[in-house]
Amino acid sequence: MVAQNYTDERARQGMLVGAGVGAVAGAIEEEDLGSAIAGAAIGGLIGRAEGEAEINEDRRAVMLRCLQNKGHSVLG
């Protein structure tokens, strides 16, 4: 359960950062609330996806390191 909470928090942080950046970019571009909200939504989705991708890459690295430590030949 600890690992799940950790990965959820990392993905949530990516979503929040993306939403913040998207909101600012949307507000600067159009200077209205609708654009800021749309920017926040799109930025949040992109941030969440990037957070999930980083988590998956970390999991892959751990798995490869574990296999290498067990003496298996690993490519990649």
PDB file of N, CA and C in Angstrom:
ATOM      1  N   MET A   1       0.818  -1.188   0.000  1.00  0.00           N
ATOM      2  CA  MET A   1       0.000   0.000   0.000  1.00  0.00           C
ATOM      3  C   MET A   1       0.867   1.259   0.000  1.00  0.00           C
ATOM      4  N   VAL A   2       2.037   1.176   0.624  1.00  0.00           N
ATOM      5  CA  VAL A   2       2.935   2.336   0.656  1.00  0.00           C
ATOM      6  C   VAL A   2       3.370   2.699  -0.755  1.00  0.00           C
ATOM      7  N   ALA A   3       3.716   1.698  -1.564  1.00  0.00           N
ATOM      8  CA  ALA A   3       4.149   1.964  -2.939  1.00  0.00           C
ATOM      9  C   ALA A   3       3.032   2.604  -3.746  1.00  0.00           C
ATOM     10  N   GLN A   4       1.800   2.151  -3.545  1.00  0.00           N
ATOM     11  CA  GLN A   4       0.667   2.728  -4.274  1.00  0.00           C
ATOM     12  C   GLN A   4       0.471   4.191  -3.890  1.00  0.00           C
ATOM     13  N   ASN A   5       0.569   4.497  -2.615  1.00  0.00           N
ATOM     14  CA  ASN A   5       0.436   5.888  -2.173  1.00  0.00           C
ATOM     15  C   ASN A   5       1.544   6.750  -2.754  1.00  0.00           C
ATOM     16  N   TYR A   6       2.748   6.195  -2.826  1.00  0.00           N
ATOM     17  CA  TYR A   6       3.885   6.941  -3.370  1.00  0.00           C
ATOM     18  C   TYR A   6       3.673   7.255  -4.843  1.00  0.00           C
ATOM     19  N   THR A   7       3.259   6.249  -5.618  1.00  0.00           N
ATOM     20  CA  THR A   7       3.059   6.483  -7.049  1.00  0.00           C
ATOM     21  C   THR A   7       1.875   7.400  -7.297  1.00  0.00           C
ATOM     22  N   ASP A   8       0.815   7.264  -6.521  1.00  0.00           N
ATOM     23  CA  ASP A   8      -0.325   8.170  -6.663  1.00  0.00           C
ATOM     24  C   ASP A   8       0.091   9.608  -6.392  1.00  0.00           C
ATOM     25  N   GLU A   9       0.908   9.812  -5.376  1.00  0.00           N
ATOM     26  CA  GLU A   9       1.356  11.167  -5.033  1.00  0.00           C
ATOM     27  C   GLU A   9       2.238  11.746  -6.137  1.00  0.00           C
ATOM     28  N   ARG A  10       3.121  10.945  -6.700  1.00  0.00           N
ATOM     29  CA  ARG A  10       3.974  11.440  -7.799  1.00  0.00           C
ATOM     30  C   ARG A  10       3.143  11.824  -9.010  1.00  0.00           C
ATOM     31  N   ALA A  11       2.163  11.004  -9.356  1.00  0.00           N
ATOM     32  CA  ALA A  11       1.302  11.318 -10.499  1.00  0.00           C
ATOM     33  C   ALA A  11       0.456  12.554 -10.206  1.00  0.00           C
ATOM     34  N   ARG A  12      -0.014  12.676  -8.978  1.00  0.00           N
ATOM     35  CA  ARG A  12      -0.817  13.841  -8.584  1.00  0.00           C
ATOM     36  C   ARG A  12       0.016  15.118  -8.665  1.00  0.00           C
ATOM     37  N   GLN A  13       1.258  15.053  -8.248  1.00  0.00           N
ATOM     38  CA  GLN A  13       2.127  16.231  -8.334  1.00  0.00           C
ATOM     39  C   GLN A  13       2.328  16.650  -9.781  1.00  0.00           C
ATOM     40  N   GLY A  14       2.521  15.689 -10.673  1.00  0.00           N
ATOM     41  CA  GLY A  14       2.654  15.999 -12.089  1.00  0.00           C
ATOM     42  C   GLY A  14       1.401  16.658 -12.632  1.00  0.00           C
ATOM     43  N   MET A  15       0.250  16.164 -12.188  1.00  0.00           N
ATOM     44  CA  MET A  15      -1.015  16.730 -12.632  1.00  0.00           C
ATOM     45  C   MET A  15      -1.170  18.168 -12.147  1.00  0.00           C
ATOM     46  N   LEU A  16      -0.835  18.420 -10.892  1.00  0.00           N
ATOM     47  CA  LEU A  16      -0.979  19.767 -10.336  1.00  0.00           C
ATOM     48  C   LEU A  16      -0.033  20.761 -10.994  1.00  0.00           C
ATOM     49  N   VAL A  17       1.192  20.348 -11.224  1.00  0.00           N
ATOM     50  CA  VAL A  17       2.148  21.239 -11.898  1.00  0.00           C
ATOM     51  C   VAL A  17       1.670  21.527 -13.318  1.00  0.00           C
ATOM     52  N   GLY A  18       1.240  20.488 -14.022  1.00  0.00           N
ATOM     53  CA  GLY A  18       0.730  20.675 -15.381  1.00  0.00           C
ATOM     54  C   GLY A  18      -0.486  21.580 -15.420  1.00  0.00           C
ATOM     55  N   ALA A  19      -1.377  21.416 -14.450  1.00  0.00           N
ATOM     56  CA  ALA A  19      -2.569  22.264 -14.394  1.00  0.00           C
ATOM     57  C   ALA A  19      -2.190  23.714 -14.133  1.00  0.00           C
ATOM     58  N   GLY A  20      -1.242  23.930 -13.248  1.00  0.00           N
ATOM     59  CA  GLY A  20      -0.799  25.297 -12.961  1.00  0.00           C
ATOM     60  C   GLY A  20      -0.167  25.961 -14.166  1.00  0.00           C
ATOM     61  N   VAL A  21       0.717  25.244 -14.819  1.00  0.00           N
ATOM     62  CA  VAL A  21       1.379  25.796 -16.008  1.00  0.00           C
ATOM     63  C   VAL A  21       0.355  26.035 -17.116  1.00  0.00           C
ATOM     64  N   GLY A  22      -0.555  25.085 -17.311  1.00  0.00           N
ATOM     65  CA  GLY A  22      -1.583  25.235 -18.339  1.00  0.00           C
ATOM     66  C   GLY A  22      -2.506  26.408 -18.069  1.00  0.00           C
ATOM     67  N   ALA A  23      -2.866  26.610 -16.801  1.00  0.00           N
ATOM     68  CA  ALA A  23      -3.740  27.730 -16.447  1.00  0.00           C
ATOM     69  C   ALA A  23      -3.061  29.059 -16.721  1.00  0.00           C
ATOM     70  N   VAL A  24      -1.806  29.164 -16.344  1.00  0.00           N
ATOM     71  CA  VAL A  24      -1.064  30.408 -16.588  1.00  0.00           C
ATOM     72  C   VAL A  24      -0.922  30.652 -18.085  1.00  0.00           C
ATOM     73  N   ALA A  25      -0.566  29.610 -18.827  1.00  0.00           N
ATOM     74  CA  ALA A  25      -0.406  29.764 -20.277  1.00  0.00           C
ATOM     75  C   ALA A  25      -1.728  30.149 -20.933  1.00  0.00           C
ATOM     76  N   GLY A  26      -2.819  29.518 -20.512  1.00  0.00           N
ATOM     77  CA  GLY A  26      -4.128  29.849 -21.071  1.00  0.00           C
ATOM     78  C   GLY A  26      -4.552  31.262 -20.745  1.00  0.00           C
ATOM     79  N   ALA A  27      -4.273  31.706 -19.533  1.00  0.00           N
ATOM     80  CA  ALA A  27      -4.644  33.064 -19.129  1.00  0.00           C
ATOM     81  C   ALA A  27      -3.814  34.105 -19.867  1.00  0.00           C
ATOM     82  N   ILE A  28      -2.547  33.825 -20.075  1.00  0.00           N
ATOM     83  CA  ILE A  28      -1.685  34.776 -20.790  1.00  0.00           C
ATOM     84  C   ILE A  28      -2.096  34.863 -22.257  1.00  0.00           C
ATOM     85  N   GLU A  29      -2.425  33.717 -22.832  1.00  0.00           N
ATOM     86  CA  GLU A  29      -2.758  33.671 -24.261  1.00  0.00           C
ATOM     87  C   GLU A  29      -4.046  34.430 -24.576  1.00  0.00           C
ATOM     88  N   GLU A  30      -5.089  34.192 -23.817  1.00  0.00           N
ATOM     89  CA  GLU A  30      -6.398  34.763 -24.147  1.00  0.00           C
ATOM     90  C   GLU A  30      -6.910  35.773 -23.123  1.00  0.00           C
ATOM     91  N   GLU A  31      -6.322  35.796 -21.949  1.00  0.00           N
ATOM     92  CA  GLU A  31      -6.700  36.717 -20.875  1.00  0.00           C
ATOM     93  C   GLU A  31      -8.169  36.606 -20.471  1.00  0.00           C
ATOM     94  N   ASP A  32      -8.696  35.393 -20.454  1.00  0.00           N
ATOM     95  CA  ASP A  32     -10.041  35.193 -19.913  1.00  0.00           C
ATOM     96  C   ASP A  32     -10.080  33.889 -19.122  1.00  0.00           C
ATOM     97  N   LEU A  33     -11.120  33.745 -18.316  1.00  0.00           N
ATOM     98  CA  LEU A  33     -11.225  32.609 -17.404  1.00  0.00           C
ATOM     99  C   LEU A  33     -11.382  31.284 -18.155  1.00  0.00           C
ATOM    100  N   GLY A  34     -12.136  31.287 -19.238  1.00  0.00           N
ATOM    101  CA  GLY A  34     -12.355  30.053 -19.994  1.00  0.00           C
ATOM    102  C   GLY A  34     -11.068  29.464 -20.534  1.00  0.00           C
ATOM    103  N   SER A  35     -10.199  30.314 -21.036  1.00  0.00           N
ATOM    104  CA  SER A  35      -8.917  29.831 -21.558  1.00  0.00           C
ATOM    105  C   SER A  35      -8.032  29.310 -20.436  1.00  0.00           C
ATOM    106  N   ALA A  36      -8.092  29.957 -19.286  1.00  0.00           N
ATOM    107  CA  ALA A  36      -7.305  29.495 -18.144  1.00  0.00           C
ATOM    108  C   ALA A  36      -7.792  28.125 -17.682  1.00  0.00           C
ATOM    109  N   ILE A  37      -9.108  27.936 -17.660  1.00  0.00           N
ATOM    110  CA  ILE A  37      -9.666  26.649 -17.243  1.00  0.00           C
ATOM    111  C   ILE A  37      -9.310  25.561 -18.256  1.00  0.00           C
ATOM    112  N   ALA A  38      -9.446  25.876 -19.537  1.00  0.00           N
ATOM    113  CA  ALA A  38      -9.087  24.897 -20.568  1.00  0.00           C
ATOM    114  C   ALA A  38      -7.603  24.557 -20.492  1.00  0.00           C
ATOM    115  N   GLY A  39      -6.767  25.567 -20.295  1.00  0.00           N
ATOM    116  CA  GLY A  39      -5.332  25.326 -20.163  1.00  0.00           C
ATOM    117  C   GLY A  39      -5.008  24.465 -18.959  1.00  0.00           C
ATOM    118  N   ALA A  40      -5.719  24.708 -17.854  1.00  0.00           N
ATOM    119  CA  ALA A  40      -5.498  23.906 -16.647  1.00  0.00           C
ATOM    120  C   ALA A  40      -5.893  22.455 -16.880  1.00  0.00           C
ATOM    121  N   ALA A  41      -7.017  22.241 -17.564  1.00  0.00           N
ATOM    122  CA  ALA A  41      -7.475  20.875 -17.822  1.00  0.00           C
ATOM    123  C   ALA A  41      -6.488  20.131 -18.720  1.00  0.00           C
ATOM    124  N   ILE A  42      -6.091  20.768 -19.794  1.00  0.00           N
ATOM    125  CA  ILE A  42      -5.153  20.126 -20.723  1.00  0.00           C
ATOM    126  C   ILE A  42      -3.797  19.917 -20.056  1.00  0.00           C
ATOM    127  N   GLY A  43      -3.318  20.929 -19.349  1.00  0.00           N
ATOM    128  CA  GLY A  43      -2.039  20.807 -18.647  1.00  0.00           C
ATOM    129  C   GLY A  43      -2.063  19.723 -17.589  1.00  0.00           C
ATOM    130  N   GLY A  44      -3.191  19.608 -16.885  1.00  0.00           N
ATOM    131  CA  GLY A  44      -3.325  18.562 -15.877  1.00  0.00           C
ATOM    132  C   GLY A  44      -3.252  17.172 -16.475  1.00  0.00           C
ATOM    133  N   LEU A  45      -3.925  16.988 -17.615  1.00  0.00           N
ATOM    134  CA  LEU A  45      -3.878  15.683 -18.287  1.00  0.00           C
ATOM    135  C   LEU A  45      -2.469  15.348 -18.756  1.00  0.00           C
ATOM    136  N   ILE A  46      -1.809  16.329 -19.345  1.00  0.00           N
ATOM    137  CA  ILE A  46      -0.444  16.100 -19.824  1.00  0.00           C
ATOM    138  C   ILE A  46       0.499  15.836 -18.650  1.00  0.00           C
ATOM    139  N   GLY A  47       0.356  16.609 -17.577  1.00  0.00           N
ATOM    140  CA  GLY A  47       1.199  16.417 -16.394  1.00  0.00           C
ATOM    141  C   GLY A  47       0.996  15.052 -15.763  1.00  0.00           C
ATOM    142  N   ARG A  48      -0.255  14.610 -15.692  1.00  0.00           N
ATOM    143  CA  ARG A  48      -0.553  13.295 -15.125  1.00  0.00           C
ATOM    144  C   ARG A  48       0.067  12.194 -15.990  1.00  0.00           C
ATOM    145  N   ALA A  49      -0.074  12.327 -17.306  1.00  0.00           N
ATOM    146  CA  ALA A  49       0.491  11.326 -18.214  1.00  0.00           C
ATOM    147  C   ALA A  49       2.008  11.272 -18.090  1.00  0.00           C
ATOM    148  N   GLU A  50       2.632  12.428 -17.976  1.00  0.00           N
ATOM    149  CA  GLU A  50       4.084  12.451 -17.824  1.00  0.00           C
ATOM    150  C   GLU A  50       4.506  11.836 -16.494  1.00  0.00           C
ATOM    151  N   GLY A  51       3.758  12.123 -15.431  1.00  0.00           N
ATOM    152  CA  GLY A  51       4.053  11.513 -14.137  1.00  0.00           C
ATOM    153  C   GLY A  51       3.944  10.000 -14.185  1.00  0.00           C
ATOM    154  N   GLU A  52       2.904   9.497 -14.852  1.00  0.00           N
ATOM    155  CA  GLU A  52       2.732   8.048 -15.000  1.00  0.00           C
ATOM    156  C   GLU A  52       3.871   7.441 -15.817  1.00  0.00           C
ATOM    157  N   ALA A  53       4.304   8.134 -16.864  1.00  0.00           N
ATOM    158  CA  ALA A  53       5.406   7.632 -17.694  1.00  0.00           C
ATOM    159  C   ALA A  53       6.696   7.545 -16.884  1.00  0.00           C
ATOM    160  N   GLU A  54       6.950   8.538 -16.049  1.00  0.00           N
ATOM    161  CA  GLU A  54       8.150   8.511 -15.203  1.00  0.00           C
ATOM    162  C   GLU A  54       8.089   7.360 -14.213  1.00  0.00           C
ATOM    163  N   ILE A  55       6.922   7.115 -13.654  1.00  0.00           N
ATOM    164  CA  ILE A  55       6.755   6.008 -12.711  1.00  0.00           C
ATOM    165  C   ILE A  55       7.023   4.682 -13.416  1.00  0.00           C
ATOM    166  N   ASN A  56       6.477   4.514 -14.619  1.00  0.00           N
ATOM    167  CA  ASN A  56       6.700   3.275 -15.371  1.00  0.00           C
ATOM    168  C   ASN A  56       8.172   3.090 -15.714  1.00  0.00           C
ATOM    169  N   GLU A  57       8.853   4.163 -16.070  1.00  0.00           N
ATOM    170  CA  GLU A  57      10.285   4.077 -16.376  1.00  0.00           C
ATOM    171  C   GLU A  57      11.079   3.692 -15.124  1.00  0.00           C
ATOM    172  N   ASP A  58      10.705   4.238 -13.978  1.00  0.00           N
ATOM    173  CA  ASP A  58      11.374   3.876 -12.723  1.00  0.00           C
ATOM    174  C   ASP A  58      11.155   2.401 -12.403  1.00  0.00           C
ATOM    175  N   ARG A  59       9.939   1.911 -12.604  1.00  0.00           N
ATOM    176  CA  ARG A  59       9.645   0.494 -12.353  1.00  0.00           C
ATOM    177  C   ARG A  59      10.478  -0.400 -13.265  1.00  0.00           C
ATOM    178  N   ARG A  60      10.594  -0.003 -14.531  1.00  0.00           N
ATOM    179  CA  ARG A  60      11.384  -0.765 -15.495  1.00  0.00           C
ATOM    180  C   ARG A  60      12.848  -0.815 -15.062  1.00  0.00           C
ATOM    181  N   ALA A  61      13.375   0.318 -14.621  1.00  0.00           N
ATOM    182  CA  ALA A  61      14.773   0.375 -14.188  1.00  0.00           C
ATOM    183  C   ALA A  61      15.009  -0.531 -12.983  1.00  0.00           C
ATOM    184  N   VAL A  62      14.070  -0.554 -12.052  1.00  0.00           N
ATOM    185  CA  VAL A  62      14.201  -1.415 -10.872  1.00  0.00           C
ATOM    186  C   VAL A  62      14.187  -2.884 -11.289  1.00  0.00           C
ATOM    187  N   MET A  63      13.279  -3.240 -12.193  1.00  0.00           N
ATOM    188  CA  MET A  63      13.192  -4.624 -12.650  1.00  0.00           C
ATOM    189  C   MET A  63      14.481  -5.051 -13.355  1.00  0.00           C
ATOM    190  N   LEU A  64      15.006  -4.198 -14.234  1.00  0.00           N
ATOM    191  CA  LEU A  64      16.242  -4.532 -14.940  1.00  0.00           C
ATOM    192  C   LEU A  64      17.417  -4.666 -13.977  1.00  0.00           C
ATOM    193  N   ARG A  65      17.499  -3.758 -13.010  1.00  0.00           N
ATOM    194  CA  ARG A  65      18.578  -3.821 -12.020  1.00  0.00           C
ATOM    195  C   ARG A  65      18.481  -5.105 -11.205  1.00  0.00           C
ATOM    196  N   CYS A  66      17.274  -5.489 -10.854  1.00  0.00           N
ATOM    197  CA  CYS A  66      17.072  -6.716 -10.083  1.00  0.00           C
ATOM    198  C   CYS A  66      17.520  -7.937 -10.888  1.00  0.00           C
ATOM    199  N   LEU A  67      17.126  -7.983 -12.157  1.00  0.00           N
ATOM    200  CA  LEU A  67      17.542  -9.101 -13.007  1.00  0.00           C
ATOM    201  C   LEU A  67      19.057  -9.152 -13.161  1.00  0.00           C
ATOM    202  N   GLN A  68      19.683  -7.992 -13.344  1.00  0.00           N
ATOM    203  CA  GLN A  68      21.139  -7.940 -13.477  1.00  0.00           C
ATOM    204  C   GLN A  68      21.817  -8.405 -12.192  1.00  0.00           C
ATOM    205  N   ASN A  69      21.281  -8.009 -11.055  1.00  0.00           N
ATOM    206  CA  ASN A  69      21.865  -8.414  -9.771  1.00  0.00           C
ATOM    207  C   ASN A  69      21.728  -9.912  -9.531  1.00  0.00           C
ATOM    208  N   LYS A  70      20.734 -10.534 -10.168  1.00  0.00           N
ATOM    209  CA  LYS A  70      20.551 -11.981 -10.049  1.00  0.00           C
ATOM    210  C   LYS A  70      21.411 -12.744 -11.051  1.00  0.00           C
ATOM    211  N   GLY A  71      22.172 -12.016 -11.889  1.00  0.00           N
ATOM    212  CA  GLY A  71      23.082 -12.658 -12.821  1.00  0.00           C
ATOM    213  C   GLY A  71      22.537 -12.874 -14.218  1.00  0.00           C
ATOM    214  N   HIS A  72      21.367 -12.349 -14.510  1.00  0.00           N
ATOM    215  CA  HIS A  72      20.780 -12.499 -15.842  1.00  0.00           C
ATOM    216  C   HIS A  72      21.371 -11.470 -16.798  1.00  0.00           C
ATOM    217  N   SER A  73      21.527 -11.881 -18.051  1.00  0.00           N
ATOM    218  CA  SER A  73      21.956 -10.941 -19.088  1.00  0.00           C
ATOM    219  C   SER A  73      20.746 -10.117 -19.501  1.00  0.00           C
ATOM    220  N   VAL A  74      20.893  -8.815 -19.440  1.00  0.00           N
ATOM    221  CA  VAL A  74      19.774  -7.922 -19.745  1.00  0.00           C
ATOM    222  C   VAL A  74      20.224  -6.924 -20.795  1.00  0.00           C
ATOM    223  N   LEU A  75      19.446  -6.804 -21.846  1.00  0.00           N
ATOM    224  CA  LEU A  75      19.694  -5.794 -22.871  1.00  0.00           C
ATOM    225  C   LEU A  75      18.719  -4.647 -22.658  1.00  0.00           C
ATOM    226  N   GLY A  76      19.199  -3.435 -22.820  1.00  0.00           N
ATOM    227  CA  GLY A  76      18.300  -2.279 -22.746  1.00  0.00           C
ATOM    228  C   GLY A  76      18.500  -1.540 -21.518  1.00  0.00           C
TER     229      GLY A  76
END
